[in-house]
PDB file of N, CA and C in Angstrom:
ATOM      1  N   MET A   1      40.124  22.044  48.707  1.00  0.00           N
ATOM      2  CA  MET A   1      39.982  21.231  47.500  1.00  0.00           C
ATOM      3  C   MET A   1      38.626  21.969  46.873  1.00  0.00           C
ATOM      4  N   ALA A   2      38.314  21.964  45.780  1.00  0.00           N
ATOM      5  CA  ALA A   2      37.087  22.405  45.058  1.00  0.00           C
ATOM      6  C   ALA A   2      36.184  21.121  45.253  1.00  0.00           C
ATOM      7  N   GLU A   3      34.752  21.479  45.130  1.00  0.00           N
ATOM      8  CA  GLU A   3      33.810  20.334  45.141  1.00  0.00           C
ATOM      9  C   GLU A   3      33.985  19.740  43.679  1.00  0.00           C
ATOM     10  N   ARG A   4      33.684  18.224  43.746  1.00  0.00           N
ATOM     11  CA  ARG A   4      33.575  17.945  42.495  1.00  0.00           C
ATOM     12  C   ARG A   4      32.640  17.862  41.542  1.00  0.00           C
ATOM     13  N   LYS A   5      32.522  17.340  40.753  1.00  0.00           N
ATOM     14  CA  LYS A   5      31.345  17.409  39.790  1.00  0.00           C
ATOM     15  C   LYS A   5      31.223  15.986  39.879  1.00  0.00           C
ATOM     16  N   SER A   6      29.781  15.801  39.830  1.00  0.00           N
ATOM     17  CA  SER A   6      28.982  14.284  39.513  1.00  0.00           C
ATOM     18  C   SER A   6      28.714  14.153  38.114  1.00  0.00           C
ATOM     19  N   VAL A   7      28.909  13.189  37.185  1.00  0.00           N
ATOM     20  CA  VAL A   7      28.231  13.067  36.155  1.00  0.00           C
ATOM     21  C   VAL A   7      27.879  12.035  35.868  1.00  0.00           C
ATOM     22  N   LEU A   8      26.535  11.700  34.940  1.00  0.00           N
ATOM     23  CA  LEU A   8      26.034  10.501  34.458  1.00  0.00           C
ATOM     24  C   LEU A   8      26.774  10.044  33.352  1.00  0.00           C
ATOM     25  N   LEU A   9      27.148   8.641  33.184  1.00  0.00           N
ATOM     26  CA  LEU A   9      28.008   8.466  32.611  1.00  0.00           C
ATOM     27  C   LEU A   9      27.209   6.798  32.032  1.00  0.00           C
ATOM     28  N   ARG A  10      26.516   6.682  30.536  1.00  0.00           N
ATOM     29  CA  ARG A  10      26.263   5.156  30.256  1.00  0.00           C
ATOM     30  C   ARG A  10      26.761   4.860  29.390  1.00  0.00           C
ATOM     31  N   LEU A  11      27.589   3.810  30.127  1.00  0.00           N
ATOM     32  CA  LEU A  11      28.489   2.834  29.165  1.00  0.00           C
ATOM     33  C   LEU A  11      27.798   1.774  28.662  1.00  0.00           C
ATOM     34  N   ASP A  12      27.949   0.844  27.029  1.00  0.00           N
ATOM     35  CA  ASP A  12      27.825  -0.303  26.940  1.00  0.00           C
ATOM     36  C   ASP A  12      28.557  -1.331  28.469  1.00  0.00           C
ATOM     37  N   PRO A  13      27.412  -2.232  28.208  1.00  0.00           N
ATOM     38  CA  PRO A  13      27.902  -2.802  29.626  1.00  0.00           C
ATOM     39  C   PRO A  13      29.345  -3.882  29.690  1.00  0.00           C
ATOM     40  N   ALA A  14      29.831  -4.064  28.407  1.00  0.00           N
ATOM     41  CA  ALA A  14      31.068  -4.781  28.398  1.00  0.00           C
ATOM     42  C   ALA A  14      31.998  -3.725  28.399  1.00  0.00           C
ATOM     43  N   VAL A  15      31.858  -2.928  27.868  1.00  0.00           N
ATOM     44  CA  VAL A  15      32.644  -1.690  28.175  1.00  0.00           C
ATOM     45  C   VAL A  15      33.125  -1.398  29.508  1.00  0.00           C
ATOM     46  N   HIS A  16      32.192  -1.424  30.559  1.00  0.00           N
ATOM     47  CA  HIS A  16      32.109  -1.546  31.943  1.00  0.00           C
ATOM     48  C   HIS A  16      32.617  -2.450  32.442  1.00  0.00           C
ATOM     49  N   ASP A  17      32.025  -3.120  32.449  1.00  0.00           N
ATOM     50  CA  ASP A  17      33.029  -4.774  32.699  1.00  0.00           C
ATOM     51  C   ASP A  17      34.927  -4.632  32.428  1.00  0.00           C
ATOM     52  N   ALA A  18      34.961  -4.203  30.793  1.00  0.00           N
ATOM     53  CA  ALA A  18      36.078  -4.232  30.848  1.00  0.00           C
ATOM     54  C   ALA A  18      37.080  -3.427  32.120  1.00  0.00           C
ATOM     55  N   LEU A  19      36.430  -2.223  31.809  1.00  0.00           N
ATOM     56  CA  LEU A  19      37.012  -1.120  32.959  1.00  0.00           C
ATOM     57  C   LEU A  19      37.207  -1.229  34.055  1.00  0.00           C
ATOM     58  N   SER A  20      36.416  -2.155  34.814  1.00  0.00           N
ATOM     59  CA  SER A  20      36.059  -2.289  35.892  1.00  0.00           C
ATOM     60  C   SER A  20      37.067  -3.027  36.076  1.00  0.00           C
ATOM     61  N   LYS A  21      37.525  -4.415  35.602  1.00  0.00           N
ATOM     62  CA  LYS A  21      38.676  -5.133  35.727  1.00  0.00           C
ATOM     63  C   LYS A  21      39.917  -4.616  35.548  1.00  0.00           C
ATOM     64  N   TRP A  22      39.900  -3.716  34.911  1.00  0.00           N
ATOM     65  CA  TRP A  22      41.298  -2.878  34.561  1.00  0.00           C
ATOM     66  C   TRP A  22      41.443  -2.041  35.994  1.00  0.00           C
ATOM     67  N   ALA A  23      40.373  -1.116  36.381  1.00  0.00           N
ATOM     68  CA  ALA A  23      40.511  -0.628  37.630  1.00  0.00           C
ATOM     69  C   ALA A  23      41.235  -1.344  38.717  1.00  0.00           C
ATOM     70  N   ASN A  24      40.327  -2.827  38.781  1.00  0.00           N
ATOM     71  CA  ASN A  24      40.835  -3.739  39.924  1.00  0.00           C
ATOM     72  C   ASN A  24      42.289  -4.122  39.582  1.00  0.00           C
ATOM     73  N   ASP A  25      42.871  -4.488  38.483  1.00  0.00           N
ATOM     74  CA  ASP A  25      44.034  -4.662  38.566  1.00  0.00           C
ATOM     75  C   ASP A  25      45.308  -3.469  38.940  1.00  0.00           C
ATOM     76  N   GLU A  26      44.752  -2.732  38.508  1.00  0.00           N
ATOM     77  CA  GLU A  26      45.462  -0.974  39.023  1.00  0.00           C
ATOM     78  C   GLU A  26      44.636  -0.486  40.815  1.00  0.00           C
ATOM     79  N   LEU A  27      44.188  -1.301  41.451  1.00  0.00           N
ATOM     80  CA  LEU A  27      44.215  -1.279  42.716  1.00  0.00           C
ATOM     81  C   LEU A  27      43.108   0.422  42.765  1.00  0.00           C
ATOM     82  N   ARG A  28      42.067   0.881  41.757  1.00  0.00           N
ATOM     83  CA  ARG A  28      41.408   1.361  41.041  1.00  0.00           C
ATOM     84  C   ARG A  28      39.731   1.594  41.552  1.00  0.00           C
ATOM     85  N   SER A  29      39.502   2.218  41.920  1.00  0.00           N
ATOM     86  CA  SER A  29      37.249   2.165  41.517  1.00  0.00           C
ATOM     87  C   SER A  29      37.069   2.732  40.382  1.00  0.00           C
ATOM     88  N   ALA A  30      36.510   1.877  39.486  1.00  0.00           N
ATOM     89  CA  ALA A  30      35.752   2.586  38.160  1.00  0.00           C
ATOM     90  C   ALA A  30      35.922   3.689  38.112  1.00  0.00           C
ATOM     91  N   ASN A  31      35.644   4.850  38.954  1.00  0.00           N
ATOM     92  CA  ASN A  31      35.340   6.004  38.938  1.00  0.00           C
ATOM     93  C   ASN A  31      36.806   6.837  38.904  1.00  0.00           C
ATOM     94  N   ALA A  32      37.655   6.169  39.934  1.00  0.00           N
ATOM     95  CA  ALA A  32      38.882   6.293  39.988  1.00  0.00           C
ATOM     96  C   ALA A  32      39.442   6.242  38.306  1.00  0.00           C
ATOM     97  N   GLN A  33      39.389   5.464  37.601  1.00  0.00           N
ATOM     98  CA  GLN A  33      39.918   4.998  36.260  1.00  0.00           C
ATOM     99  C   GLN A  33      39.747   5.986  35.225  1.00  0.00           C
ATOM    100  N   ILE A  34      38.336   6.060  35.394  1.00  0.00           N
ATOM    101  CA  ILE A  34      37.923   6.879  34.195  1.00  0.00           C
ATOM    102  C   ILE A  34      38.396   8.026  34.286  1.00  0.00           C
ATOM    103  N   GLU A  35      38.701   9.078  35.359  1.00  0.00           N
ATOM    104  CA  GLU A  35      39.712  10.216  35.753  1.00  0.00           C
ATOM    105  C   GLU A  35      40.721  10.056  35.088  1.00  0.00           C
ATOM    106  N   PHE A  36      41.076   8.996  35.814  1.00  0.00           N
ATOM    107  CA  PHE A  36      42.873   8.623  35.391  1.00  0.00           C
ATOM    108  C   PHE A  36      43.013   8.981  33.637  1.00  0.00           C
ATOM    109  N   LEU A  37      41.972   7.957  33.107  1.00  0.00           N
ATOM    110  CA  LEU A  37      42.071   7.496  31.538  1.00  0.00           C
ATOM    111  C   LEU A  37      41.701   9.307  30.849  1.00  0.00           C
ATOM    112  N   LEU A  38      40.901   9.772  31.106  1.00  0.00           N
ATOM    113  CA  LEU A  38      40.417  11.252  30.771  1.00  0.00           C
ATOM    114  C   LEU A  38      41.644  12.203  31.273  1.00  0.00           C
ATOM    115  N   ARG A  39      41.782  12.563  31.941  1.00  0.00           N
ATOM    116  CA  ARG A  39      43.280  13.324  32.735  1.00  0.00           C
ATOM    117  C   ARG A  39      44.639  12.639  31.884  1.00  0.00           C
ATOM    118  N   ARG A  40      45.236  11.281  31.421  1.00  0.00           N
ATOM    119  CA  ARG A  40      46.171  10.740  30.502  1.00  0.00           C
ATOM    120  C   ARG A  40      45.557  11.814  29.071  1.00  0.00           C
ATOM    121  N   ALA A  41      44.477  11.207  28.501  1.00  0.00           N
ATOM    122  CA  ALA A  41      44.474  11.969  27.491  1.00  0.00           C
ATOM    123  C   ALA A  41      43.754  13.308  27.224  1.00  0.00           C
ATOM    124  N   LEU A  42      43.768  14.174  28.480  1.00  0.00           N
ATOM    125  CA  LEU A  42      43.743  15.600  28.038  1.00  0.00           C
ATOM    126  C   LEU A  42      45.243  15.855  27.818  1.00  0.00           C
ATOM    127  N   ALA A  43      45.777  15.175  28.701  1.00  0.00           N
ATOM    128  CA  ALA A  43      47.491  15.626  28.838  1.00  0.00           C
ATOM    129  C   ALA A  43      47.969  15.179  27.558  1.00  0.00           C
ATOM    130  N   GLU A  44      47.922  13.945  27.119  1.00  0.00           N
ATOM    131  CA  GLU A  44      48.684  13.652  25.730  1.00  0.00           C
ATOM    132  C   GLU A  44      47.941  14.735  24.423  1.00  0.00           C
ATOM    133  N   ALA A  45      46.803  15.252  24.772  1.00  0.00           N
ATOM    134  CA  ALA A  45      46.262  16.011  23.753  1.00  0.00           C
ATOM    135  C   ALA A  45      46.853  17.668  23.781  1.00  0.00           C
ATOM    136  N   GLY A  46      47.236  17.942  24.690  1.00  0.00           N
ATOM    137  CA  GLY A  46      48.023  19.410  25.036  1.00  0.00           C
ATOM    138  C   GLY A  46      46.481  19.939  25.641  1.00  0.00           C
ATOM    139  N   ARG A  47      45.640  19.560  26.010  1.00  0.00           N
ATOM    140  CA  ARG A  47      44.315  20.024  26.399  1.00  0.00           C
ATOM    141  C   ARG A  47      43.955  20.003  27.844  1.00  0.00           C
ATOM    142  N   MET A  48      45.098  19.910  28.768  1.00  0.00           N
ATOM    143  CA  MET A  48      44.486  19.750  30.001  1.00  0.00           C
ATOM    144  C   MET A  48      44.921  21.149  30.623  1.00  0.00           C
ATOM    145  N   PRO A  49      43.565  21.718  31.205  1.00  0.00           N
ATOM    146  CA  PRO A  49      43.490  23.061  31.562  1.00  0.00           C
ATOM    147  C   PRO A  49      43.885  23.553  32.961  1.00  0.00           C
ATOM    148  N   GLY A  50      45.087  24.143  32.518  1.00  0.00           N
ATOM    149  CA  GLY A  50      46.442  24.893  33.857  1.00  0.00           C
ATOM    150  C   GLY A  50      45.757  25.171  34.665  1.00  0.00           C
ATOM    151  N   ASN A  51      44.895  25.298  35.051  1.00  0.00           N
ATOM    152  CA  ASN A  51      43.857  25.467  36.694  1.00  0.00           C
ATOM    153  C   ASN A  51      43.258  24.260  37.053  1.00  0.00           C
ATOM    154  N   ALA A  52      43.174  22.873  36.380  1.00  0.00           N
ATOM    155  CA  ALA A  52      42.583  21.659  36.856  1.00  0.00           C
ATOM    156  C   ALA A  52      43.450  21.036  38.342  1.00  0.00           C
ATOM    157  N   GLY A  53      42.413  21.029  38.816  1.00  0.00           N
ATOM    158  CA  GLY A  53      43.269  20.792  40.439  1.00  0.00           C
ATOM    159  C   GLY A  53      43.991  18.645  40.006  1.00  0.00           C
ATOM    160  N   LYS A  54      44.451  18.707  41.605  1.00  0.00           N
ATOM    161  CA  LYS A  54      45.143  17.479  41.110  1.00  0.00           C
ATOM    162  C   LYS A  54      44.044  16.302  41.340  1.00  0.00           C
ATOM    163  N   PRO A  55      44.002  15.274  41.129  1.00  0.00           N
ATOM    164  CA  PRO A  55      43.429  13.988  41.023  1.00  0.00           C
ATOM    165  C   PRO A  55      43.392  13.407  42.368  1.00  0.00           C
ATOM    166  N   ALA A  56      42.222  13.387  43.227  1.00  0.00           N
ATOM    167  CA  ALA A  56      41.619  12.826  44.672  1.00  0.00           C
ATOM    168  C   ALA A  56      42.674  11.961  45.266  1.00  0.00           C
ATOM    169  N   ARG A  57      42.894  12.265  46.292  1.00  0.00           N
ATOM    170  CA  ARG A  57      44.084  11.294  46.647  1.00  0.00           C
ATOM    171  C   ARG A  57      43.492   9.517  46.477  1.00  0.00           C
ATOM    172  N   ARG A  58      44.071   8.767  46.874  1.00  0.00           N
ATOM    173  CA  ARG A  58      43.825   7.075  46.979  1.00  0.00           C
ATOM    174  C   ARG A  58      43.924   6.998  48.646  1.00  0.00           C
ATOM    175  N   GLY A  59      42.850   6.046  48.460  1.00  0.00           N
ATOM    176  CA  GLY A  59      42.835   5.463  50.095  1.00  0.00           C
ATOM    177  C   GLY A  59      41.458   6.379  50.324  1.00  0.00           C
ATOM    178  N   ARG A  60      42.271   5.898  51.579  1.00  0.00           N
ATOM    179  CA  ARG A  60      40.772   6.293  52.711  1.00  0.00           C
ATOM    180  C   ARG A  60      40.609   8.041  53.123  1.00  0.00           C
ATOM    181  N   PRO A  61      40.163   8.848  53.238  1.00  0.00           N
ATOM    182  CA  PRO A  61      40.290  10.128  53.633  1.00  0.00           C
ATOM    183  C   PRO A  61      41.306  10.390  54.830  1.00  0.00           C
ATOM    184  N   PRO A  62      41.860  10.992  55.423  1.00  0.00           N
ATOM    185  CA  PRO A  62      42.727  11.073  56.570  1.00  0.00           C
ATOM    186  C   PRO A  62      41.715  11.479  57.527  1.00  0.00           C
ATOM    187  N   LYS A  63      41.785  10.862  58.762  1.00  0.00           N
ATOM    188  CA  LYS A  63      41.062  11.359  59.840  1.00  0.00           C
ATOM    189  C   LYS A  63      41.221  12.657  60.378  1.00  0.00           C
ATOM    190  N   THR A  64      39.524  13.207  60.881  1.00  0.00           N
ATOM    191  CA  THR A  64      39.754  14.650  61.450  1.00  0.00           C
ATOM    192  C   THR A  64      40.318  14.338  62.887  1.00  0.00           C
ATOM    193  N   ASP A  65      40.141  16.010  63.267  1.00  0.00           N
ATOM    194  CA  ASP A  65      39.892  15.904  64.540  1.00  0.00           C
ATOM    195  C   ASP A  65      39.337  15.099  65.250  1.00  0.00           C
ATOM    196  N   ARG A  66      38.072  15.329  65.398  1.00  0.00           N
ATOM    197  CA  ARG A  66      36.470  14.655  65.650  1.00  0.00           C
ATOM    198  C   ARG A  66      37.051  13.211  65.891  1.00  0.00           C
ATOM    199  N   GLU A  67      37.443  12.520  64.586  1.00  0.00           N
ATOM    200  CA  GLU A  67      37.462  11.191  64.515  1.00  0.00           C
ATOM    201  C   GLU A  67      38.613  10.787  65.361  1.00  0.00           C
ATOM    202  N   THR A  68      39.393  11.683  65.397  1.00  0.00           N
ATOM    203  CA  THR A  68      40.749  10.718  66.038  1.00  0.00           C
ATOM    204  C   THR A  68      40.476  11.281  67.961  1.00  0.00           C
ATOM    205  N   GLY A  69      39.851  12.272  68.133  1.00  0.00           N
ATOM    206  CA  GLY A  69      39.568  12.809  69.573  1.00  0.00           C
ATOM    207  C   GLY A  69      40.516  13.825  69.885  1.00  0.00           C
ATOM    208  N   ASP A  70      41.510  14.025  69.111  1.00  0.00           N
ATOM    209  CA  ASP A  70      41.930  15.314  69.784  1.00  0.00           C
ATOM    210  C   ASP A  70      41.714  16.899  69.683  1.00  0.00           C
TER     211      ASP A  70
END
């Protein structure tokens, strides 16, 4: 998977609070909620790039061999 970009985003505190509550309702982080909404908006506008990677998997990352001792 390609390295993910970090972006500084300034939000109105009320917007951030509403976004965080929405994300919690859907069991996502605020960051994952923002990405979900951006991807949906791009798709609906017909602007999703064909080479866009899949969204990050939800939940904990899989254990590596080092972590499992295999």
